[in-house]
PDB file of all heavy atoms in Angstrom:
ATOM      1  N   VAL A   1     -39.388 149.398   4.281  1.00  0.00           N
ATOM      2  CA  VAL A   1     -40.271 148.914   5.387  1.00  0.00           C
ATOM      3  C   VAL A   1     -39.382 148.475   6.532  1.00  0.00           C
ATOM      4  O   VAL A   1     -38.369 147.743   6.333  1.00  0.00           O
ATOM      5  CB  VAL A   1     -41.117 147.784   4.839  1.00  0.00           C
ATOM      6  CG1 VAL A   1     -42.015 147.226   6.003  1.00  0.00           C
ATOM      7  CG2 VAL A   1     -42.051 148.282   3.746  1.00  0.00           C
ATOM      8  N   LEU A   2     -39.792 148.750   7.740  1.00  0.00           N
ATOM      9  CA  LEU A   2     -39.092 148.343   9.012  1.00  0.00           C
ATOM     10  C   LEU A   2     -40.141 147.838   9.941  1.00  0.00           C
ATOM     11  O   LEU A   2     -41.120 148.550  10.233  1.00  0.00           O
ATOM     12  CB  LEU A   2     -38.285 149.514   9.545  1.00  0.00           C
ATOM     13  CG  LEU A   2     -37.436 149.274  10.832  1.00  0.00           C
ATOM     14  CD1 LEU A   2     -36.374 148.209  10.579  1.00  0.00           C
ATOM     15  CD2 LEU A   2     -36.849 150.594  11.316  1.00  0.00           C
ATOM     16  N   ASP A   3     -39.990 146.599  10.441  1.00  0.00           N
ATOM     17  CA  ASP A   3     -40.958 145.956  11.387  1.00  0.00           C
ATOM     18  C   ASP A   3     -42.430 146.122  10.873  1.00  0.00           C
ATOM     19  O   ASP A   3     -43.308 146.372  11.603  1.00  0.00           O
ATOM     20  CB  ASP A   3     -40.878 146.631  12.699  1.00  0.00           C
ATOM     21  CG  ASP A   3     -39.613 146.239  13.512  1.00  0.00           C
ATOM     22  OD1 ASP A   3     -38.917 145.304  13.026  1.00  0.00           O
ATOM     23  OD2 ASP A   3     -39.413 146.762  14.562  1.00  0.00           O
ATOM     24  N   GLY A   4     -42.564 145.946   9.517  1.00  0.00           N
ATOM     25  CA  GLY A   4     -43.904 145.832   8.906  1.00  0.00           C
ATOM     26  C   GLY A   4     -44.520 147.194   8.705  1.00  0.00           C
ATOM     27  O   GLY A   4     -45.711 147.374   8.321  1.00  0.00           O
ATOM     28  N   HIS A   5     -43.697 148.268   9.016  1.00  0.00           N
ATOM     29  CA  HIS A   5     -44.270 149.628   8.874  1.00  0.00           C
ATOM     30  C   HIS A   5     -43.432 150.411   7.881  1.00  0.00           C
ATOM     31  O   HIS A   5     -42.254 150.167   7.738  1.00  0.00           O
ATOM     32  CB  HIS A   5     -44.298 150.321  10.277  1.00  0.00           C
ATOM     33  CG  HIS A   5     -45.285 149.798  11.205  1.00  0.00           C
ATOM     34  ND1 HIS A   5     -45.193 148.568  11.741  1.00  0.00           N
ATOM     35  CD2 HIS A   5     -46.458 150.346  11.711  1.00  0.00           C
ATOM     36  CE1 HIS A   5     -46.190 148.320  12.555  1.00  0.00           C
ATOM     37  NE2 HIS A   5     -46.994 149.408  12.565  1.00  0.00           N
ATOM     38  N   LYS A   6     -44.076 151.524   7.333  1.00  0.00           N
ATOM     39  CA  LYS A   6     -43.424 152.242   6.226  1.00  0.00           C
ATOM     40  C   LYS A   6     -42.350 153.152   6.882  1.00  0.00           C
ATOM     41  O   LYS A   6     -42.644 154.073   7.707  1.00  0.00           O
ATOM     42  CB  LYS A   6     -44.424 153.068   5.456  1.00  0.00           C
ATOM     43  CG  LYS A   6     -43.792 153.801   4.227  1.00  0.00           C
ATOM     44  CD  LYS A   6     -44.799 154.361   3.353  1.00  0.00           C
ATOM     45  CE  LYS A   6     -44.234 155.042   2.140  1.00  0.00           C
ATOM     46  NZ  LYS A   6     -45.224 155.522   1.140  1.00  0.00           N
ATOM     47  N   LEU A   7     -41.105 152.959   6.521  1.00  0.00           N
ATOM     48  CA  LEU A   7     -40.039 153.848   6.911  1.00  0.00           C
ATOM     49  C   LEU A   7     -39.742 154.970   5.922  1.00  0.00           C
ATOM     50  O   LEU A   7     -39.364 156.059   6.279  1.00  0.00           O
ATOM     51  CB  LEU A   7     -38.730 153.055   7.115  1.00  0.00           C
ATOM     52  CG  LEU A   7     -37.527 153.812   7.459  1.00  0.00           C
ATOM     53  CD1 LEU A   7     -37.607 154.375   8.892  1.00  0.00           C
ATOM     54  CD2 LEU A   7     -36.189 152.950   7.336  1.00  0.00           C
ATOM     55  N   GLY A   8     -40.008 154.684   4.605  1.00  0.00           N
ATOM     56  CA  GLY A   8     -39.753 155.692   3.550  1.00  0.00           C
ATOM     57  C   GLY A   8     -40.208 155.210   2.271  1.00  0.00           C
ATOM     58  O   GLY A   8     -40.756 154.123   2.107  1.00  0.00           O
ATOM     59  N   GLY A   9     -40.059 156.136   1.314  1.00  0.00           N
ATOM     60  CA  GLY A   9     -40.542 155.811  -0.095  1.00  0.00           C
ATOM     61  C   GLY A   9     -39.661 156.599  -1.085  1.00  0.00           C
ATOM     62  O   GLY A   9     -38.873 157.427  -0.773  1.00  0.00           O
ATOM     63  N   ILE A  10     -39.856 156.226  -2.352  1.00  0.00           N
ATOM     64  CA  ILE A  10     -39.087 156.714  -3.422  1.00  0.00           C
ATOM     65  C   ILE A  10     -39.994 157.179  -4.551  1.00  0.00           C
ATOM     66  O   ILE A  10     -41.004 156.556  -4.887  1.00  0.00           O
ATOM     67  CB  ILE A  10     -38.040 155.628  -3.950  1.00  0.00           C
ATOM     68  CG1 ILE A  10     -37.038 155.249  -2.862  1.00  0.00           C
ATOM     69  CG2 ILE A  10     -37.282 156.094  -5.202  1.00  0.00           C
ATOM     70  CD1 ILE A  10     -36.428 153.868  -3.114  1.00  0.00           C
ATOM     71  N   LEU A  11     -39.670 158.356  -5.149  1.00  0.00           N
ATOM     72  CA  LEU A  11     -40.414 158.797  -6.250  1.00  0.00           C
ATOM     73  C   LEU A  11     -39.437 159.258  -7.356  1.00  0.00           C
ATOM     74  O   LEU A  11     -38.613 160.184  -7.213  1.00  0.00           O
ATOM     75  CB  LEU A  11     -41.203 160.060  -5.920  1.00  0.00           C
ATOM     76  CG  LEU A  11     -41.920 160.842  -7.136  1.00  0.00           C
ATOM     77  CD1 LEU A  11     -42.965 159.894  -7.746  1.00  0.00           C
ATOM     78  CD2 LEU A  11     -42.591 162.128  -6.624  1.00  0.00           C
ATOM     79  N   THR A  12     -39.448 158.616  -8.515  1.00  0.00           N
ATOM     80  CA  THR A  12     -38.633 158.882  -9.634  1.00  0.00           C
ATOM     81  C   THR A  12     -39.408 159.705 -10.659  1.00  0.00           C
ATOM     82  O   THR A  12     -40.524 159.306 -11.108  1.00  0.00           O
ATOM     83  CB  THR A  12     -38.082 157.621 -10.275  1.00  0.00           C
ATOM     84  OG1 THR A  12     -37.308 156.870  -9.267  1.00  0.00           O
ATOM     85  CG2 THR A  12     -37.103 157.925 -11.441  1.00  0.00           C
ATOM     86  N   GLU A  13     -38.808 160.800 -11.074  1.00  0.00           N
ATOM     87  CA  GLU A  13     -39.387 161.652 -12.196  1.00  0.00           C
ATOM     88  C   GLU A  13     -38.342 161.728 -13.365  1.00  0.00           C
ATOM     89  O   GLU A  13     -37.192 161.826 -13.041  1.00  0.00           O
ATOM     90  CB  GLU A  13     -39.725 163.063 -11.736  1.00  0.00           C
ATOM     91  CG  GLU A  13     -40.786 163.025 -10.619  1.00  0.00           C
ATOM     92  CD  GLU A  13     -41.085 164.408 -10.054  1.00  0.00           C
ATOM     93  OE1 GLU A  13     -40.116 165.187 -10.027  1.00  0.00           O
ATOM     94  OE2 GLU A  13     -42.242 164.599  -9.670  1.00  0.00           O
ATOM     95  N   THR A  14     -38.840 161.789 -14.571  1.00  0.00           N
ATOM     96  CA  THR A  14     -38.001 161.741 -15.708  1.00  0.00           C
ATOM     97  C   THR A  14     -38.339 162.783 -16.773  1.00  0.00           C
ATOM     98  O   THR A  14     -39.461 163.232 -16.844  1.00  0.00           O
ATOM     99  CB  THR A  14     -37.887 160.381 -16.375  1.00  0.00           C
ATOM    100  OG1 THR A  14     -39.164 160.045 -16.815  1.00  0.00           O
ATOM    101  CG2 THR A  14     -37.405 159.302 -15.471  1.00  0.00           C
ATOM    102  N   LYS A  15     -37.315 163.126 -17.581  1.00  0.00           N
ATOM    103  CA  LYS A  15     -37.611 163.883 -18.840  1.00  0.00           C
ATOM    104  C   LYS A  15     -37.185 163.064 -20.028  1.00  0.00           C
ATOM    105  O   LYS A  15     -36.070 162.410 -19.993  1.00  0.00           O
ATOM    106  CB  LYS A  15     -36.909 165.199 -18.767  1.00  0.00           C
ATOM    107  CG  LYS A  15     -37.480 166.193 -17.786  1.00  0.00           C
ATOM    108  CD  LYS A  15     -36.920 167.573 -17.910  1.00  0.00           C
ATOM    109  CE  LYS A  15     -37.651 168.553 -16.967  1.00  0.00           C
ATOM    110  NZ  LYS A  15     -37.112 169.926 -17.088  1.00  0.00           N
ATOM    111  N   ILE A  16     -38.018 162.985 -21.018  1.00  0.00           N
ATOM    112  CA  ILE A  16     -37.866 162.072 -22.179  1.00  0.00           C
ATOM    113  C   ILE A  16     -37.561 162.883 -23.437  1.00  0.00           C
ATOM    114  O   ILE A  16     -38.198 163.951 -23.644  1.00  0.00           O
ATOM    115  CB  ILE A  16     -39.120 161.246 -22.378  1.00  0.00           C
ATOM    116  CG1 ILE A  16     -39.556 160.504 -21.066  1.00  0.00           C
ATOM    117  CG2 ILE A  16     -38.880 160.212 -23.488  1.00  0.00           C
ATOM    118  CD1 ILE A  16     -38.608 159.567 -20.535  1.00  0.00           C
ATOM    119  N   HIS A  17     -36.643 162.413 -24.283  1.00  0.00           N
ATOM    120  CA  HIS A  17     -36.441 163.002 -25.578  1.00  0.00           C
ATOM    121  C   HIS A  17     -36.046 161.903 -26.560  1.00  0.00           C
ATOM    122  O   HIS A  17     -35.187 161.124 -26.361  1.00  0.00           O
ATOM    123  CB  HIS A  17     -35.282 163.984 -25.490  1.00  0.00           C
ATOM    124  CG  HIS A  17     -34.992 164.687 -26.860  1.00  0.00           C
ATOM    125  ND1 HIS A  17     -35.831 165.538 -27.428  1.00  0.00           N
ATOM    126  CD2 HIS A  17     -33.931 164.624 -27.673  1.00  0.00           C
ATOM    127  CE1 HIS A  17     -35.391 166.006 -28.562  1.00  0.00           C
ATOM    128  NE2 HIS A  17     -34.175 165.432 -28.771  1.00  0.00           N
ATOM    129  N   LYS A  18     -36.861 161.820 -27.606  1.00  0.00           N
ATOM    130  CA  LYS A  18     -36.645 160.796 -28.690  1.00  0.00           C
ATOM    131  C   LYS A  18     -36.541 159.399 -28.115  1.00  0.00           C
ATOM    132  O   LYS A  18     -35.680 158.633 -28.517  1.00  0.00           O
ATOM    133  CB  LYS A  18     -35.450 161.081 -29.480  1.00  0.00           C
ATOM    134  CG  LYS A  18     -35.577 162.470 -30.252  1.00  0.00           C
ATOM    135  CD  LYS A  18     -34.319 162.688 -31.161  1.00  0.00           C
ATOM    136  CE  LYS A  18     -34.605 163.951 -31.960  1.00  0.00           C
ATOM    137  NZ  LYS A  18     -33.360 164.307 -32.803  1.00  0.00           N
ATOM    138  N   GLY A  19     -37.470 159.057 -27.184  1.00  0.00           N
ATOM    139  CA  GLY A  19     -37.520 157.708 -26.701  1.00  0.00           C
ATOM    140  C   GLY A  19     -36.506 157.361 -25.628  1.00  0.00           C
ATOM    141  O   GLY A  19     -36.415 156.243 -25.211  1.00  0.00           O
ATOM    142  N   GLN A  20     -35.745 158.359 -25.210  1.00  0.00           N
ATOM    143  CA  GLN A  20     -34.721 158.129 -24.155  1.00  0.00           C
ATOM    144  C   GLN A  20     -34.883 159.013 -23.048  1.00  0.00           C
ATOM    145  O   GLN A  20     -35.353 160.145 -23.135  1.00  0.00           O
ATOM    146  CB  GLN A  20     -33.309 158.354 -24.846  1.00  0.00           C
ATOM    147  CG  GLN A  20     -32.918 157.379 -25.883  1.00  0.00           C
ATOM    148  CD  GLN A  20     -32.748 155.952 -25.361  1.00  0.00           C
ATOM    149  OE1 GLN A  20     -32.078 155.681 -24.372  1.00  0.00           O
ATOM    150  NE2 GLN A  20     -33.441 155.053 -26.089  1.00  0.00           N
ATOM    151  N   ILE A  21     -34.548 158.534 -21.777  1.00  0.00           N
ATOM    152  CA  ILE A  21     -34.508 159.410 -20.581  1.00  0.00           C
ATOM    153  C   ILE A  21     -33.344 160.243 -20.633  1.00  0.00           C
ATOM    154  O   ILE A  21     -32.214 159.711 -20.672  1.00  0.00           O
ATOM    155  CB  ILE A  21     -34.612 158.499 -19.317  1.00  0.00           C
ATOM    156  CG1 ILE A  21     -35.809 157.690 -19.255  1.00  0.00           C
ATOM    157  CG2 ILE A  21     -34.468 159.420 -18.110  1.00  0.00           C
ATOM    158  CD1 ILE A  21     -35.897 156.631 -18.093  1.00  0.00           C
ATOM    159  N   THR A  22     -33.489 161.516 -20.728  1.00  0.00           N
ATOM    160  CA  THR A  22     -32.396 162.466 -20.791  1.00  0.00           C
ATOM    161  C   THR A  22     -31.968 162.955 -19.361  1.00  0.00           C
ATOM    162  O   THR A  22     -30.736 163.292 -19.162  1.00  0.00           O
ATOM    163  CB  THR A  22     -32.655 163.723 -21.701  1.00  0.00           C
ATOM    164  OG1 THR A  22     -33.894 164.272 -21.199  1.00  0.00           O
ATOM    165  CG2 THR A  22     -32.863 163.187 -23.111  1.00  0.00           C
ATOM    166  N   GLN A  23     -32.868 163.035 -18.507  1.00  0.00           N
ATOM    167  CA  GLN A  23     -32.656 163.507 -17.102  1.00  0.00           C
ATOM    168  C   GLN A  23     -33.611 162.797 -16.215  1.00  0.00           C
ATOM    169  O   GLN A  23     -34.767 162.509 -16.585  1.00  0.00           O
ATOM    170  CB  GLN A  23     -32.810 164.999 -16.937  1.00  0.00           C
ATOM    171  CG  GLN A  23     -31.750 165.874 -17.684  1.00  0.00           C
ATOM    172  CD  GLN A  23     -32.093 167.387 -17.531  1.00  0.00           C
ATOM    173  OE1 GLN A  23     -33.205 167.831 -17.605  1.00  0.00           O
ATOM    174  NE2 GLN A  23     -31.016 168.144 -17.363  1.00  0.00           N
ATOM    175  N   ALA A  24     -33.138 162.548 -14.907  1.00  0.00           N
ATOM    176  CA  ALA A  24     -34.083 161.990 -13.964  1.00  0.00           C
ATOM    177  C   ALA A  24     -33.784 162.612 -12.630  1.00  0.00           C
ATOM    178  O   ALA A  24     -32.576 163.016 -12.362  1.00  0.00           O
ATOM    179  CB  ALA A  24     -33.847 160.465 -13.956  1.00  0.00           C
ATOM    180  N   VAL A  25     -34.756 162.705 -11.787  1.00  0.00           N
ATOM    181  CA  VAL A  25     -34.609 163.101 -10.378  1.00  0.00           C
ATOM    182  C   VAL A  25     -35.204 161.933  -9.491  1.00  0.00           C
ATOM    183  O   VAL A  25     -36.325 161.510  -9.717  1.00  0.00           O
ATOM    184  CB  VAL A  25     -35.251 164.360 -10.115  1.00  0.00           C
ATOM    185  CG1 VAL A  25     -35.341 164.619  -8.612  1.00  0.00           C
ATOM    186  CG2 VAL A  25     -34.612 165.548 -10.770  1.00  0.00           C
ATOM    187  N   ILE A  26     -34.429 161.389  -8.622  1.00  0.00           N
ATOM    188  CA  ILE A  26     -34.810 160.355  -7.667  1.00  0.00           C
ATOM    189  C   ILE A  26     -35.008 161.017  -6.344  1.00  0.00           C
ATOM    190  O   ILE A  26     -34.112 161.510  -5.698  1.00  0.00           O
ATOM    191  CB  ILE A  26     -33.743 159.231  -7.619  1.00  0.00           C
ATOM    192  CG1 ILE A  26     -33.545 158.593  -8.945  1.00  0.00           C
ATOM    193  CG2 ILE A  26     -34.188 158.250  -6.566  1.00  0.00           C
ATOM    194  CD1 ILE A  26     -32.295 157.712  -9.001  1.00  0.00           C
ATOM    195  N   GLY A  27     -36.313 161.023  -5.896  1.00  0.00           N
ATOM    196  CA  GLY A  27     -36.684 161.635  -4.616  1.00  0.00           C
ATOM    197  C   GLY A  27     -36.882 160.519  -3.602  1.00  0.00           C
ATOM    198  O   GLY A  27     -37.431 159.497  -3.845  1.00  0.00           O
ATOM    199  N   VAL A  28     -36.359 160.769  -2.351  1.00  0.00           N
ATOM    200  CA  VAL A  28     -36.420 159.814  -1.293  1.00  0.00           C
ATOM    201  C   VAL A  28     -36.944 160.522  -0.020  1.00  0.00           C
ATOM    202  O   VAL A  28     -36.416 161.591   0.310  1.00  0.00           O
ATOM    203  CB  VAL A  28     -35.114 159.202  -0.953  1.00  0.00           C
ATOM    204  CG1 VAL A  28     -35.232 158.191   0.194  1.00  0.00           C
ATOM    205  CG2 VAL A  28     -34.493 158.512  -2.243  1.00  0.00           C
ATOM    206  N   GLY A  29     -37.884 159.942   0.671  1.00  0.00           N
ATOM    207  CA  GLY A  29     -38.300 160.465   1.980  1.00  0.00           C
ATOM    208  C   GLY A  29     -38.096 159.333   2.947  1.00  0.00           C
ATOM    209  O   GLY A  29     -38.520 158.210   2.812  1.00  0.00           O
ATOM    210  N   ILE A  30     -37.463 159.660   4.044  1.00  0.00           N
ATOM    211  CA  ILE A  30     -37.183 158.705   5.170  1.00  0.00           C
ATOM    212  C   ILE A  30     -37.698 159.306   6.508  1.00  0.00           C
ATOM    213  O   ILE A  30     -37.365 160.484   6.839  1.00  0.00           O
ATOM    214  CB  ILE A  30     -35.660 158.385   5.328  1.00  0.00           C
ATOM    215  CG1 ILE A  30     -35.075 157.820   4.007  1.00  0.00           C
ATOM    216  CG2 ILE A  30     -35.415 157.379   6.487  1.00  0.00           C
ATOM    217  CD1 ILE A  30     -35.505 156.442   3.722  1.00  0.00           C
ATOM    218  N   ASN A  31     -38.450 158.538   7.214  1.00  0.00           N
ATOM    219  CA  ASN A  31     -38.849 159.042   8.571  1.00  0.00           C
ATOM    220  C   ASN A  31     -37.706 158.926   9.610  1.00  0.00           C
ATOM    221  O   ASN A  31     -37.284 157.797   9.860  1.00  0.00           O
ATOM    222  CB  ASN A  31     -40.062 158.151   9.073  1.00  0.00           C
ATOM    223  CG  ASN A  31     -41.289 158.279   8.190  1.00  0.00           C
ATOM    224  OD1 ASN A  31     -41.520 159.382   7.667  1.00  0.00           O
ATOM    225  ND2 ASN A  31     -41.952 157.167   8.000  1.00  0.00           N
ATOM    226  N   TRP A  32     -37.245 160.097  10.044  1.00  0.00           N
ATOM    227  CA  TRP A  32     -36.187 160.055  10.984  1.00  0.00           C
ATOM    228  C   TRP A  32     -36.645 160.460  12.394  1.00  0.00           C
ATOM    229  O   TRP A  32     -36.805 159.596  13.255  1.00  0.00           O
ATOM    230  CB  TRP A  32     -35.038 161.082  10.549  1.00  0.00           C
ATOM    231  CG  TRP A  32     -33.966 161.377  11.544  1.00  0.00           C
ATOM    232  CD1 TRP A  32     -33.787 162.534  12.226  1.00  0.00           C
ATOM    233  CD2 TRP A  32     -33.088 160.402  12.190  1.00  0.00           C
ATOM    234  NE1 TRP A  32     -32.753 162.405  13.153  1.00  0.00           N
ATOM    235  CE2 TRP A  32     -32.316 161.102  13.141  1.00  0.00           C
ATOM    236  CE3 TRP A  32     -32.826 159.087  11.940  1.00  0.00           C
ATOM    237  CZ2 TRP A  32     -31.301 160.489  13.890  1.00  0.00           C
ATOM    238  CZ3 TRP A  32     -31.809 158.451  12.647  1.00  0.00           C
ATOM    239  CH2 TRP A  32     -31.049 159.129  13.603  1.00  0.00           C
ATOM    240  N   ALA A  33     -37.015 161.738  12.647  1.00  0.00           N
ATOM    241  CA  ALA A  33     -37.583 162.134  13.924  1.00  0.00           C
ATOM    242  C   ALA A  33     -38.889 162.751  13.790  1.00  0.00           C
ATOM    243  O   ALA A  33     -39.382 163.429  14.726  1.00  0.00           O
ATOM    244  CB  ALA A  33     -36.606 163.019  14.623  1.00  0.00           C
ATOM    245  N   ASN A  34     -39.537 162.670  12.697  1.00  0.00           N
ATOM    246  CA  ASN A  34     -40.805 163.295  12.373  1.00  0.00           C
ATOM    247  C   ASN A  34     -41.936 162.430  12.831  1.00  0.00           C
ATOM    248  O   ASN A  34     -41.869 161.260  12.947  1.00  0.00           O
ATOM    249  CB  ASN A  34     -40.907 163.506  10.887  1.00  0.00           C
ATOM    250  CG  ASN A  34     -40.674 162.240  10.078  1.00  0.00           C
ATOM    251  OD1 ASN A  34     -39.588 161.740  10.027  1.00  0.00           O
ATOM    252  ND2 ASN A  34     -41.777 161.760   9.394  1.00  0.00           N
ATOM    253  N   PRO A  35     -43.097 163.069  13.120  1.00  0.00           N
ATOM    254  CA  PRO A  35     -44.300 162.169  13.463  1.00  0.00           C
ATOM    255  C   PRO A  35     -44.724 161.404  12.200  1.00  0.00           C
ATOM    256  O   PRO A  35     -44.569 161.794  11.044  1.00  0.00           O
ATOM    257  CB  PRO A  35     -45.361 163.261  13.761  1.00  0.00           C
ATOM    258  CG  PRO A  35     -44.902 164.520  13.194  1.00  0.00           C
ATOM    259  CD  PRO A  35     -43.416 164.446  13.194  1.00  0.00           C
ATOM    260  N   VAL A  36     -45.340 160.210  12.546  1.00  0.00           N
ATOM    261  CA  VAL A  36     -45.679 159.340  11.432  1.00  0.00           C
ATOM    262  C   VAL A  36     -47.133 158.825  11.677  1.00  0.00           C
ATOM    263  O   VAL A  36     -47.525 158.787  12.801  1.00  0.00           O
ATOM    264  CB  VAL A  36     -44.762 158.164  11.313  1.00  0.00           C
ATOM    265  CG1 VAL A  36     -43.290 158.553  10.888  1.00  0.00           C
ATOM    266  CG2 VAL A  36     -44.707 157.255  12.583  1.00  0.00           C
ATOM    267  N   PRO A  37     -47.807 158.477  10.571  1.00  0.00           N
ATOM    268  CA  PRO A  37     -49.147 157.821  10.796  1.00  0.00           C
ATOM    269  C   PRO A  37     -49.048 156.388  11.383  1.00  0.00           C
ATOM    270  O   PRO A  37     -47.987 155.887  11.579  1.00  0.00           O
ATOM    271  CB  PRO A  37     -49.712 157.775   9.339  1.00  0.00           C
ATOM    272  CG  PRO A  37     -48.460 157.674   8.501  1.00  0.00           C
ATOM    273  CD  PRO A  37     -47.442 158.507   9.178  1.00  0.00           C
TER     274      PRO A  37
END
């Protein structure tokens, strides 16, 4: 958050095997020069 507005967000996805996270992907979106709501 920047100045009370959303600058970006994070989405984490995982793969599980025998109760453990074996792989993960951390996704990030940041508003740079794109139009925003």
